[in-house]
Amino acid sequence: MIDETLQELWSVKDNLAKEHAYDLDSLVDYLKKKYNLERETIQTPVLSSIESKFEIT
């Protein structure tokens, strides 16, 4: 029996891939834009600390 959590994660993954026509470049662009939007709305000391240690673009 497949764990319900894993099944849901696979479903989300499959839907994202399908929405972007299974094009990795398109998916990466989408995720970068999503990350940047969320980063603009959520600025915390922890996030700033992480960003200073790693180059996140």
C-alpha atoms as a PDB file:
ATOM      1  CA  MET A   1       0.000   0.000   0.000  1.00  0.00           C
ATOM      2  CA  ILE A   2       1.365   3.408  -1.018  1.00  0.00           C
ATOM      3  CA  ASP A   3       1.634   5.987   1.727  1.00  0.00           C
ATOM      4  CA  GLU A   4      -1.024   8.697   1.208  1.00  0.00           C
ATOM      5  CA  THR A   5       1.525  11.462   1.730  1.00  0.00           C
ATOM      6  CA  LEU A   6       3.823  10.082  -0.956  1.00  0.00           C
ATOM      7  CA  GLN A   7       0.884   9.613  -3.284  1.00  0.00           C
ATOM      8  CA  GLU A   8      -0.101  13.256  -2.820  1.00  0.00           C
ATOM      9  CA  LEU A   9       3.484  14.451  -3.381  1.00  0.00           C
ATOM     10  CA  TRP A  10       3.741  12.410  -6.580  1.00  0.00           C
ATOM     11  CA  SER A  11       0.441  13.843  -7.739  1.00  0.00           C
ATOM     12  CA  VAL A  12       1.640  17.412  -7.147  1.00  0.00           C
ATOM     13  CA  LYS A  13       4.921  16.646  -8.936  1.00  0.00           C
ATOM     14  CA  ASP A  14       3.122  15.058 -11.881  1.00  0.00           C
ATOM     15  CA  ASN A  15       0.661  17.947 -12.162  1.00  0.00           C
ATOM     16  CA  LEU A  16       3.449  20.543 -12.110  1.00  0.00           C
ATOM     17  CA  ALA A  17       5.339  18.640 -14.796  1.00  0.00           C
ATOM     18  CA  LYS A  18       2.202  18.374 -16.936  1.00  0.00           C
ATOM     19  CA  GLU A  19       1.379  22.094 -16.503  1.00  0.00           C
ATOM     20  CA  HIS A  20       4.828  22.907 -17.908  1.00  0.00           C
ATOM     21  CA  ALA A  21       4.623  20.392 -20.767  1.00  0.00           C
ATOM     22  CA  TYR A  22       7.345  18.319 -19.093  1.00  0.00           C
ATOM     23  CA  ASP A  23       9.812  21.098 -19.950  1.00  0.00           C
ATOM     24  CA  LEU A  24      12.421  21.395 -17.227  1.00  0.00           C
ATOM     25  CA  ASP A  25      13.463  24.934 -18.214  1.00  0.00           C
ATOM     26  CA  SER A  26       9.866  26.116 -17.978  1.00  0.00           C
ATOM     27  CA  LEU A  27       9.419  24.460 -14.609  1.00  0.00           C
ATOM     28  CA  VAL A  28      12.642  25.961 -13.236  1.00  0.00           C
ATOM     29  CA  ASP A  29      11.607  29.449 -14.421  1.00  0.00           C
ATOM     30  CA  TYR A  30       8.214  29.024 -12.737  1.00  0.00           C
ATOM     31  CA  LEU A  31       9.778  27.866  -9.462  1.00  0.00           C
ATOM     32  CA  LYS A  32      12.309  30.718  -9.463  1.00  0.00           C
ATOM     33  CA  LYS A  33       9.515  33.268  -9.960  1.00  0.00           C
ATOM     34  CA  LYS A  34       7.454  31.656  -7.228  1.00  0.00           C
ATOM     35  CA  TYR A  35      10.449  31.640  -4.866  1.00  0.00           C
ATOM     36  CA  ASN A  36      11.192  35.308  -5.558  1.00  0.00           C
ATOM     37  CA  LEU A  37       7.565  36.340  -4.951  1.00  0.00           C
ATOM     38  CA  GLU A  38       7.474  34.476  -1.658  1.00  0.00           C
ATOM     39  CA  ARG A  39      10.873  35.837  -0.656  1.00  0.00           C
ATOM     40  CA  GLU A  40       9.647  39.393  -1.221  1.00  0.00           C
ATOM     41  CA  THR A  41       6.685  38.871   1.098  1.00  0.00           C
ATOM     42  CA  ILE A  42       8.554  36.898   3.765  1.00  0.00           C
ATOM     43  CA  GLN A  43      11.760  38.516   4.951  1.00  0.00           C
ATOM     44  CA  THR A  44      13.085  37.005   8.131  1.00  0.00           C
ATOM     45  CA  PRO A  45      16.490  37.064   9.799  1.00  0.00           C
ATOM     46  CA  VAL A  46      16.767  33.335   9.156  1.00  0.00           C
ATOM     47  CA  LEU A  47      16.158  33.740   5.422  1.00  0.00           C
ATOM     48  CA  SER A  48      18.659  36.591   5.238  1.00  0.00           C
ATOM     49  CA  SER A  49      21.210  34.466   7.063  1.00  0.00           C
ATOM     50  CA  ILE A  50      20.726  31.571   4.665  1.00  0.00           C
ATOM     51  CA  GLU A  51      20.961  33.833   1.633  1.00  0.00           C
ATOM     52  CA  SER A  52      24.209  35.330   2.866  1.00  0.00           C
ATOM     53  CA  LYS A  53      25.750  31.856   3.096  1.00  0.00           C
ATOM     54  CA  PHE A  54      24.474  30.585  -0.249  1.00  0.00           C
ATOM     55  CA  GLU A  55      24.057  32.336  -3.559  1.00  0.00           C
ATOM     56  CA  ILE A  56      20.326  32.074  -4.226  1.00  0.00           C
ATOM     57  CA  THR A  57      19.231  33.773  -7.429  1.00  0.00           C
END
